[in-house]
Amino acid sequence: MDKTSINERVLLSARYIIENNATVRQTAEAVGISKSTVHSDVCDKLRRIDLSLYEQVRQILEYNLSVRHIRGGISTKHRYEMLKSKDDN
């Protein structure tokens, strides 16, 4: 992969995160690359490519990190509600 295509991938991931307030996991699925690649792209490479875009992405990722425990609790609650509804039928 040449440097131009890597930079394009980094910018694509960054724009996706900003436009969708997306998590690293959501971005990886949408762009078709691994979570660790997205994380490396937006945390390391993006800083060297576009500092202002990097700062926007960091704000979103920091917010996502701060609410991660809430999202996990909601997901767990939903999973157990689904299991309970299956058992009731």
PDB file of N, CA and C in Angstrom:
ATOM      1  N   MET A   1       0.854  -1.170   0.000  1.00  0.00           N
ATOM      2  CA  MET A   1       0.000   0.000   0.000  1.00  0.00           C
ATOM      3  C   MET A   1       0.902   1.234   0.000  1.00  0.00           C
ATOM      4  N   ASP A   2       0.664   2.142  -0.907  1.00  0.00           N
ATOM      5  CA  ASP A   2       1.517   3.329  -0.974  1.00  0.00           C
ATOM      6  C   ASP A   2       1.066   4.398   0.019  1.00  0.00           C
ATOM      7  N   LYS A   3       1.906   5.391   0.212  1.00  0.00           N
ATOM      8  CA  LYS A   3       1.664   6.408   1.226  1.00  0.00           C
ATOM      9  C   LYS A   3       0.381   7.200   0.957  1.00  0.00           C
ATOM     10  N   THR A   4       0.079   7.440  -0.318  1.00  0.00           N
ATOM     11  CA  THR A   4      -1.123   8.192  -0.675  1.00  0.00           C
ATOM     12  C   THR A   4      -2.379   7.448  -0.255  1.00  0.00           C
ATOM     13  N   SER A   5      -2.436   6.146  -0.519  1.00  0.00           N
ATOM     14  CA  SER A   5      -3.632   5.384  -0.167  1.00  0.00           C
ATOM     15  C   SER A   5      -3.770   5.243   1.351  1.00  0.00           C
ATOM     16  N   ILE A   6      -2.655   5.177   2.056  1.00  0.00           N
ATOM     17  CA  ILE A   6      -2.719   5.123   3.519  1.00  0.00           C
ATOM     18  C   ILE A   6      -3.279   6.435   4.050  1.00  0.00           C
ATOM     19  N   ASN A   7      -2.779   7.544   3.539  1.00  0.00           N
ATOM     20  CA  ASN A   7      -3.286   8.856   3.957  1.00  0.00           C
ATOM     21  C   ASN A   7      -4.772   9.001   3.649  1.00  0.00           C
ATOM     22  N   GLU A   8      -5.195   8.506   2.491  1.00  0.00           N
ATOM     23  CA  GLU A   8      -6.620   8.559   2.135  1.00  0.00           C
ATOM     24  C   GLU A   8      -7.447   7.737   3.114  1.00  0.00           C
ATOM     25  N   ARG A   9      -6.941   6.549   3.492  1.00  0.00           N
ATOM     26  CA  ARG A   9      -7.641   5.697   4.453  1.00  0.00           C
ATOM     27  C   ARG A   9      -7.744   6.387   5.811  1.00  0.00           C
ATOM     28  N   VAL A  10      -6.667   7.031   6.231  1.00  0.00           N
ATOM     29  CA  VAL A  10      -6.654   7.739   7.506  1.00  0.00           C
ATOM     30  C   VAL A  10      -7.696   8.857   7.491  1.00  0.00           C
ATOM     31  N   LEU A  11      -7.713   9.638   6.431  1.00  0.00           N
ATOM     32  CA  LEU A  11      -8.667  10.746   6.326  1.00  0.00           C
ATOM     33  C   LEU A  11     -10.101  10.242   6.218  1.00  0.00           C
ATOM     34  N   LEU A  12     -10.300   9.135   5.513  1.00  0.00           N
ATOM     35  CA  LEU A  12     -11.635   8.543   5.406  1.00  0.00           C
ATOM     36  C   LEU A  12     -12.134   8.107   6.783  1.00  0.00           C
ATOM     37  N   SER A  13     -11.287   7.461   7.545  1.00  0.00           N
ATOM     38  CA  SER A  13     -11.664   7.023   8.890  1.00  0.00           C
ATOM     39  C   SER A  13     -11.980   8.219   9.773  1.00  0.00           C
ATOM     40  N   ALA A  14     -11.153   9.242   9.703  1.00  0.00           N
ATOM     41  CA  ALA A  14     -11.357  10.434  10.531  1.00  0.00           C
ATOM     42  C   ALA A  14     -12.673  11.127  10.181  1.00  0.00           C
ATOM     43  N   ARG A  15     -12.935  11.283   8.902  1.00  0.00           N
ATOM     44  CA  ARG A  15     -14.190  11.932   8.480  1.00  0.00           C
ATOM     45  C   ARG A  15     -15.399  11.118   8.912  1.00  0.00           C
ATOM     46  N   TYR A  16     -15.290   9.791   8.821  1.00  0.00           N
ATOM     47  CA  TYR A  16     -16.405   8.939   9.229  1.00  0.00           C
ATOM     48  C   TYR A  16     -16.696   9.120  10.714  1.00  0.00           C
ATOM     49  N   ILE A  17     -15.656   9.144  11.520  1.00  0.00           N
ATOM     50  CA  ILE A  17     -15.833   9.325  12.965  1.00  0.00           C
ATOM     51  C   ILE A  17     -16.509  10.664  13.249  1.00  0.00           C
ATOM     52  N   ILE A  18     -16.059  11.719  12.593  1.00  0.00           N
ATOM     53  CA  ILE A  18     -16.609  13.049  12.833  1.00  0.00           C
ATOM     54  C   ILE A  18     -18.048  13.161  12.347  1.00  0.00           C
ATOM     55  N   GLU A  19     -18.323  12.681  11.148  1.00  0.00           N
ATOM     56  CA  GLU A  19     -19.668  12.810  10.576  1.00  0.00           C
ATOM     57  C   GLU A  19     -20.704  11.984  11.326  1.00  0.00           C
ATOM     58  N   ASN A  20     -20.286  10.848  11.889  1.00  0.00           N
ATOM     59  CA  ASN A  20     -21.234   9.926  12.509  1.00  0.00           C
ATOM     60  C   ASN A  20     -21.090   9.812  14.023  1.00  0.00           C
ATOM     61  N   ASN A  21     -20.196  10.601  14.612  1.00  0.00           N
ATOM     62  CA  ASN A  21     -19.873  10.441  16.033  1.00  0.00           C
ATOM     63  C   ASN A  21     -19.633   8.966  16.341  1.00  0.00           C
ATOM     64  N   ALA A  22     -18.890   8.323  15.476  1.00  0.00           N
ATOM     65  CA  ALA A  22     -18.726   6.879  15.512  1.00  0.00           C
ATOM     66  C   ALA A  22     -17.630   6.452  16.484  1.00  0.00           C
ATOM     67  N   THR A  23     -17.763   5.236  16.953  1.00  0.00           N
ATOM     68  CA  THR A  23     -16.725   4.607  17.755  1.00  0.00           C
ATOM     69  C   THR A  23     -15.682   4.000  16.821  1.00  0.00           C
ATOM     70  N   VAL A  24     -14.572   3.575  17.389  1.00  0.00           N
ATOM     71  CA  VAL A  24     -13.537   2.911  16.597  1.00  0.00           C
ATOM     72  C   VAL A  24     -14.108   1.641  15.980  1.00  0.00           C
ATOM     73  N   ARG A  25     -14.887   0.902  16.755  1.00  0.00           N
ATOM     74  CA  ARG A  25     -15.488  -0.343  16.259  1.00  0.00           C
ATOM     75  C   ARG A  25     -16.433  -0.081  15.084  1.00  0.00           C
ATOM     76  N   GLN A  26     -17.283   0.924  15.203  1.00  0.00           N
ATOM     77  CA  GLN A  26     -18.213   1.261  14.118  1.00  0.00           C
ATOM     78  C   GLN A  26     -17.448   1.706  12.876  1.00  0.00           C
ATOM     79  N   THR A  27     -16.404   2.470  13.073  1.00  0.00           N
ATOM     80  CA  THR A  27     -15.597   2.956  11.951  1.00  0.00           C
ATOM     81  C   THR A  27     -14.899   1.799  11.253  1.00  0.00           C
ATOM     82  N   ALA A  28     -14.343   0.891  12.023  1.00  0.00           N
ATOM     83  CA  ALA A  28     -13.656  -0.267  11.448  1.00  0.00           C
ATOM     84  C   ALA A  28     -14.609  -1.078  10.578  1.00  0.00           C
ATOM     85  N   GLU A  29     -15.818  -1.278  11.060  1.00  0.00           N
ATOM     86  CA  GLU A  29     -16.795  -2.048  10.295  1.00  0.00           C
ATOM     87  C   GLU A  29     -17.180  -1.314   9.011  1.00  0.00           C
ATOM     88  N   ALA A  30     -17.388  -0.007   9.098  1.00  0.00           N
ATOM     89  CA  ALA A  30     -17.815   0.777   7.939  1.00  0.00           C
ATOM     90  C   ALA A  30     -16.717   0.891   6.881  1.00  0.00           C
ATOM     91  N   VAL A  31     -15.467   1.052   7.322  1.00  0.00           N
ATOM     92  CA  VAL A  31     -14.361   1.254   6.392  1.00  0.00           C
ATOM     93  C   VAL A  31     -13.795  -0.085   5.911  1.00  0.00           C
ATOM     94  N   GLY A  32     -14.019  -1.145   6.687  1.00  0.00           N
ATOM     95  CA  GLY A  32     -13.561  -2.472   6.289  1.00  0.00           C
ATOM     96  C   GLY A  32     -12.127  -2.772   6.683  1.00  0.00           C
ATOM     97  N   ILE A  33     -11.708  -2.231   7.832  1.00  0.00           N
ATOM     98  CA  ILE A  33     -10.369  -2.508   8.350  1.00  0.00           C
ATOM     99  C   ILE A  33     -10.493  -2.876   9.823  1.00  0.00           C
ATOM    100  N   SER A  34      -9.397  -3.297  10.428  1.00  0.00           N
ATOM    101  CA  SER A  34      -9.460  -3.733  11.818  1.00  0.00           C
ATOM    102  C   SER A  34      -9.547  -2.543  12.773  1.00  0.00           C
ATOM    103  N   LYS A  35     -10.023  -2.825  13.991  1.00  0.00           N
ATOM    104  CA  LYS A  35     -10.118  -1.782  15.017  1.00  0.00           C
ATOM    105  C   LYS A  35      -8.742  -1.220  15.345  1.00  0.00           C
ATOM    106  N   SER A  36      -7.754  -2.080  15.420  1.00  0.00           N
ATOM    107  CA  SER A  36      -6.415  -1.600  15.763  1.00  0.00           C
ATOM    108  C   SER A  36      -5.840  -0.714  14.662  1.00  0.00           C
ATOM    109  N   THR A  37      -6.180  -0.997  13.417  1.00  0.00           N
ATOM    110  CA  THR A  37      -5.728  -0.145  12.312  1.00  0.00           C
ATOM    111  C   THR A  37      -6.399   1.217  12.383  1.00  0.00           C
ATOM    112  N   VAL A  38      -7.704   1.238  12.656  1.00  0.00           N
ATOM    113  CA  VAL A  38      -8.407   2.511  12.802  1.00  0.00           C
ATOM    114  C   VAL A  38      -7.791   3.302  13.938  1.00  0.00           C
ATOM    115  N   HIS A  39      -7.566   2.656  15.060  1.00  0.00           N
ATOM    116  CA  HIS A  39      -7.007   3.339  16.223  1.00  0.00           C
ATOM    117  C   HIS A  39      -5.624   3.904  15.900  1.00  0.00           C
ATOM    118  N   SER A  40      -4.795   3.115  15.265  1.00  0.00           N
ATOM    119  CA  SER A  40      -3.454   3.572  14.879  1.00  0.00           C
ATOM    120  C   SER A  40      -3.546   4.740  13.901  1.00  0.00           C
ATOM    121  N   ASP A  41      -4.455   4.634  12.951  1.00  0.00           N
ATOM    122  CA  ASP A  41      -4.623   5.689  11.951  1.00  0.00           C
ATOM    123  C   ASP A  41      -5.027   7.011  12.586  1.00  0.00           C
ATOM    124  N   VAL A  42      -6.064   6.985  13.416  1.00  0.00           N
ATOM    125  CA  VAL A  42      -6.599   8.246  13.935  1.00  0.00           C
ATOM    126  C   VAL A  42      -5.846   8.776  15.146  1.00  0.00           C
ATOM    127  N   CYS A  43      -5.071   7.951  15.806  1.00  0.00           N
ATOM    128  CA  CYS A  43      -4.317   8.420  16.971  1.00  0.00           C
ATOM    129  C   CYS A  43      -2.878   8.769  16.639  1.00  0.00           C
ATOM    130  N   ASP A  44      -2.275   8.119  15.674  1.00  0.00           N
ATOM    131  CA  ASP A  44      -0.875   8.363  15.358  1.00  0.00           C
ATOM    132  C   ASP A  44      -0.704   9.074  14.009  1.00  0.00           C
ATOM    133  N   LYS A  45      -1.178   8.453  12.976  1.00  0.00           N
ATOM    134  CA  LYS A  45      -0.945   8.974  11.622  1.00  0.00           C
ATOM    135  C   LYS A  45      -1.701  10.268  11.351  1.00  0.00           C
ATOM    136  N   LEU A  46      -2.922  10.364  11.845  1.00  0.00           N
ATOM    137  CA  LEU A  46      -3.727  11.558  11.589  1.00  0.00           C
ATOM    138  C   LEU A  46      -3.077  12.805  12.172  1.00  0.00           C
ATOM    139  N   ARG A  47      -2.448  12.675  13.308  1.00  0.00           N
ATOM    140  CA  ARG A  47      -1.791  13.817  13.951  1.00  0.00           C
ATOM    141  C   ARG A  47      -0.746  14.437  13.015  1.00  0.00           C
ATOM    142  N   ARG A  48      -0.039  13.604  12.260  1.00  0.00           N
ATOM    143  CA  ARG A  48       0.983  14.099  11.326  1.00  0.00           C
ATOM    144  C   ARG A  48       0.386  14.622  10.030  1.00  0.00           C
ATOM    145  N   ILE A  49      -0.812  14.155   9.679  1.00  0.00           N
ATOM    146  CA  ILE A  49      -1.429  14.553   8.415  1.00  0.00           C
ATOM    147  C   ILE A  49      -2.230  15.840   8.560  1.00  0.00           C
ATOM    148  N   ASP A  50      -3.096  15.895   9.595  1.00  0.00           N
ATOM    149  CA  ASP A  50      -3.986  17.058   9.757  1.00  0.00           C
ATOM    150  C   ASP A  50      -4.283  17.242  11.242  1.00  0.00           C
ATOM    151  N   LEU A  51      -3.602  18.191  11.855  1.00  0.00           N
ATOM    152  CA  LEU A  51      -3.699  18.382  13.305  1.00  0.00           C
ATOM    153  C   LEU A  51      -5.098  18.816  13.739  1.00  0.00           C
ATOM    154  N   SER A  52      -5.760  19.678  12.992  1.00  0.00           N
ATOM    155  CA  SER A  52      -7.097  20.140  13.407  1.00  0.00           C
ATOM    156  C   SER A  52      -8.120  19.005  13.321  1.00  0.00           C
ATOM    157  N   LEU A  53      -8.007  18.173  12.291  1.00  0.00           N
ATOM    158  CA  LEU A  53      -8.892  17.014  12.171  1.00  0.00           C
ATOM    159  C   LEU A  53      -8.611  16.034  13.307  1.00  0.00           C
ATOM    160  N   TYR A  54      -7.345  15.856  13.639  1.00  0.00           N
ATOM    161  CA  TYR A  54      -6.947  14.979  14.741  1.00  0.00           C
ATOM    162  C   TYR A  54      -7.591  15.430  16.047  1.00  0.00           C
ATOM    163  N   GLU A  55      -7.590  16.728  16.309  1.00  0.00           N
ATOM    164  CA  GLU A  55      -8.168  17.245  17.545  1.00  0.00           C
ATOM    165  C   GLU A  55      -9.674  17.010  17.606  1.00  0.00           C
ATOM    166  N   GLN A  56     -10.355  17.134  16.481  1.00  0.00           N
ATOM    167  CA  GLN A  56     -11.803  16.852  16.440  1.00  0.00           C
ATOM    168  C   GLN A  56     -12.071  15.378  16.732  1.00  0.00           C
ATOM    169  N   VAL A  57     -11.293  14.517  16.112  1.00  0.00           N
ATOM    170  CA  VAL A  57     -11.462  13.074  16.318  1.00  0.00           C
ATOM    171  C   VAL A  57     -11.163  12.712  17.771  1.00  0.00           C
ATOM    172  N   ARG A  58     -10.121  13.282  18.350  1.00  0.00           N
ATOM    173  CA  ARG A  58      -9.769  12.988  19.740  1.00  0.00           C
ATOM    174  C   ARG A  58     -10.910  13.345  20.686  1.00  0.00           C
ATOM    175  N   GLN A  59     -11.570  14.475  20.441  1.00  0.00           N
ATOM    176  CA  GLN A  59     -12.704  14.858  21.297  1.00  0.00           C
ATOM    177  C   GLN A  59     -13.799  13.798  21.250  1.00  0.00           C
ATOM    178  N   ILE A  60     -14.115  13.327  20.058  1.00  0.00           N
ATOM    179  CA  ILE A  60     -15.159  12.306  19.913  1.00  0.00           C
ATOM    180  C   ILE A  60     -14.734  11.006  20.583  1.00  0.00           C
ATOM    181  N   LEU A  61     -13.491  10.589  20.369  1.00  0.00           N
ATOM    182  CA  LEU A  61     -13.022   9.338  20.964  1.00  0.00           C
ATOM    183  C   LEU A  61     -12.946   9.440  22.487  1.00  0.00           C
ATOM    184  N   GLU A  62     -12.574  10.590  23.007  1.00  0.00           N
ATOM    185  CA  GLU A  62     -12.551  10.771  24.461  1.00  0.00           C
ATOM    186  C   GLU A  62     -13.959  10.710  25.041  1.00  0.00           C
ATOM    187  N   TYR A  63     -14.921  11.296  24.333  1.00  0.00           N
ATOM    188  CA  TYR A  63     -16.316  11.209  24.777  1.00  0.00           C
ATOM    189  C   TYR A  63     -16.765   9.749  24.766  1.00  0.00           C
ATOM    190  N   ASN A  64     -16.487   9.047  23.671  1.00  0.00           N
ATOM    191  CA  ASN A  64     -16.880   7.638  23.572  1.00  0.00           C
ATOM    192  C   ASN A  64     -16.282   6.821  24.706  1.00  0.00           C
ATOM    193  N   LEU A  65     -15.043   7.114  25.064  1.00  0.00           N
ATOM    194  CA  LEU A  65     -14.392   6.411  26.167  1.00  0.00           C
ATOM    195  C   LEU A  65     -15.090   6.720  27.495  1.00  0.00           C
ATOM    196  N   SER A  66     -15.524   7.963  27.659  1.00  0.00           N
ATOM    197  CA  SER A  66     -16.157   8.350  28.923  1.00  0.00           C
ATOM    198  C   SER A  66     -17.535   7.722  29.109  1.00  0.00           C
ATOM    199  N   VAL A  67     -18.214   7.349  28.026  1.00  0.00           N
ATOM    200  CA  VAL A  67     -19.547   6.746  28.147  1.00  0.00           C
ATOM    201  C   VAL A  67     -19.531   5.252  27.839  1.00  0.00           C
ATOM    202  N   ARG A  68     -18.350   4.682  27.692  1.00  0.00           N
ATOM    203  CA  ARG A  68     -18.247   3.265  27.350  1.00  0.00           C
ATOM    204  C   ARG A  68     -18.948   2.381  28.376  1.00  0.00           C
ATOM    205  N   HIS A  69     -18.776   2.671  29.648  1.00  0.00           N
ATOM    206  CA  HIS A  69     -19.384   1.840  30.688  1.00  0.00           C
ATOM    207  C   HIS A  69     -20.911   1.929  30.639  1.00  0.00           C
ATOM    208  N   ILE A  70     -21.442   3.054  30.237  1.00  0.00           N
ATOM    209  CA  ILE A  70     -22.903   3.207  30.125  1.00  0.00           C
ATOM    210  C   ILE A  70     -23.422   2.382  28.957  1.00  0.00           C
ATOM    211  N   ARG A  71     -22.736   2.470  27.822  1.00  0.00           N
ATOM    212  CA  ARG A  71     -23.146   1.679  26.650  1.00  0.00           C
ATOM    213  C   ARG A  71     -23.090   0.193  26.948  1.00  0.00           C
ATOM    214  N   GLY A  72     -22.064  -0.228  27.673  1.00  0.00           N
ATOM    215  CA  GLY A  72     -21.935  -1.638  28.027  1.00  0.00           C
ATOM    216  C   GLY A  72     -23.064  -2.098  28.923  1.00  0.00           C
ATOM    217  N   GLY A  73     -23.458  -1.253  29.882  1.00  0.00           N
ATOM    218  CA  GLY A  73     -24.565  -1.594  30.776  1.00  0.00           C
ATOM    219  C   GLY A  73     -25.879  -1.700  30.031  1.00  0.00           C
ATOM    220  N   ILE A  74     -26.111  -0.783  29.102  1.00  0.00           N
ATOM    221  CA  ILE A  74     -27.344  -0.815  28.307  1.00  0.00           C
ATOM    222  C   ILE A  74     -27.377  -2.070  27.449  1.00  0.00           C
ATOM    223  N   SER A  75     -26.246  -2.414  26.868  1.00  0.00           N
ATOM    224  CA  SER A  75     -26.163  -3.613  26.028  1.00  0.00           C
ATOM    225  C   SER A  75     -26.438  -4.872  26.843  1.00  0.00           C
ATOM    226  N   THR A  76     -25.858  -4.951  28.035  1.00  0.00           N
ATOM    227  CA  THR A  76     -26.068  -6.111  28.899  1.00  0.00           C
ATOM    228  C   THR A  76     -27.528  -6.201  29.319  1.00  0.00           C
ATOM    229  N   LYS A  77     -28.124  -5.084  29.691  1.00  0.00           N
ATOM    230  CA  LYS A  77     -29.531  -5.060  30.085  1.00  0.00           C
ATOM    231  C   LYS A  77     -30.407  -5.550  28.936  1.00  0.00           C
ATOM    232  N   HIS A  78     -30.127  -5.059  27.732  1.00  0.00           N
ATOM    233  CA  HIS A  78     -30.917  -5.462  26.562  1.00  0.00           C
ATOM    234  C   HIS A  78     -30.775  -6.966  26.297  1.00  0.00           C
ATOM    235  N   ARG A  79     -29.558  -7.490  26.434  1.00  0.00           N
ATOM    236  CA  ARG A  79     -29.322  -8.908  26.188  1.00  0.00           C
ATOM    237  C   ARG A  79     -30.131  -9.769  27.149  1.00  0.00           C
ATOM    238  N   TYR A  80     -30.135  -9.396  28.449  1.00  0.00           N
ATOM    239  CA  TYR A  80     -30.884 -10.180  29.428  1.00  0.00           C
ATOM    240  C   TYR A  80     -32.386 -10.035  29.250  1.00  0.00           C
ATOM    241  N   GLU A  81     -32.846  -8.876  28.799  1.00  0.00           N
ATOM    242  CA  GLU A  81     -34.271  -8.723  28.504  1.00  0.00           C
ATOM    243  C   GLU A  81     -34.676  -9.622  27.349  1.00  0.00           C
ATOM    244  N   MET A  82     -33.812  -9.729  26.346  1.00  0.00           N
ATOM    245  CA  MET A  82     -34.093 -10.615  25.198  1.00  0.00           C
ATOM    246  C   MET A  82     -34.125 -12.072  25.645  1.00  0.00           C
ATOM    247  N   LEU A  83     -33.178 -12.473  26.493  1.00  0.00           N
ATOM    248  CA  LEU A  83     -33.158 -13.847  26.984  1.00  0.00           C
ATOM    249  C   LEU A  83     -34.401 -14.147  27.811  1.00  0.00           C
ATOM    250  N   LYS A  84     -34.824 -13.191  28.628  1.00  0.00           N
ATOM    251  CA  LYS A  84     -36.005 -13.380  29.461  1.00  0.00           C
ATOM    252  C   LYS A  84     -37.253 -13.511  28.602  1.00  0.00           C
ATOM    253  N   SER A  85     -37.354 -12.697  27.567  1.00  0.00           N
ATOM    254  CA  SER A  85     -38.542 -12.765  26.706  1.00  0.00           C
ATOM    255  C   SER A  85     -38.597 -14.089  25.948  1.00  0.00           C
ATOM    256  N   LYS A  86     -37.427 -14.657  25.595  1.00  0.00           N
ATOM    257  CA  LYS A  86     -37.401 -15.966  24.959  1.00  0.00           C
ATOM    258  C   LYS A  86     -37.843 -17.054  25.924  1.00  0.00           C
ATOM    259  N   ASP A  87     -37.429 -16.941  27.190  1.00  0.00           N
ATOM    260  CA  ASP A  87     -37.795 -17.929  28.203  1.00  0.00           C
ATOM    261  C   ASP A  87     -39.286 -17.881  28.512  1.00  0.00           C
ATOM    262  N   ASP A  88     -39.877 -16.680  28.431  1.00  0.00           N
ATOM    263  CA  ASP A  88     -41.305 -16.531  28.726  1.00  0.00           C
ATOM    264  C   ASP A  88     -42.178 -17.136  27.648  1.00  0.00           C
ATOM    265  N   ASN A  89     -41.667 -17.284  26.437  1.00  0.00           N
ATOM    266  CA  ASN A  89     -42.471 -17.836  25.337  1.00  0.00           C
ATOM    267  C   ASN A  89     -42.441 -19.300  25.379  1.00  0.00           C
TER     268      ASN A  89
END
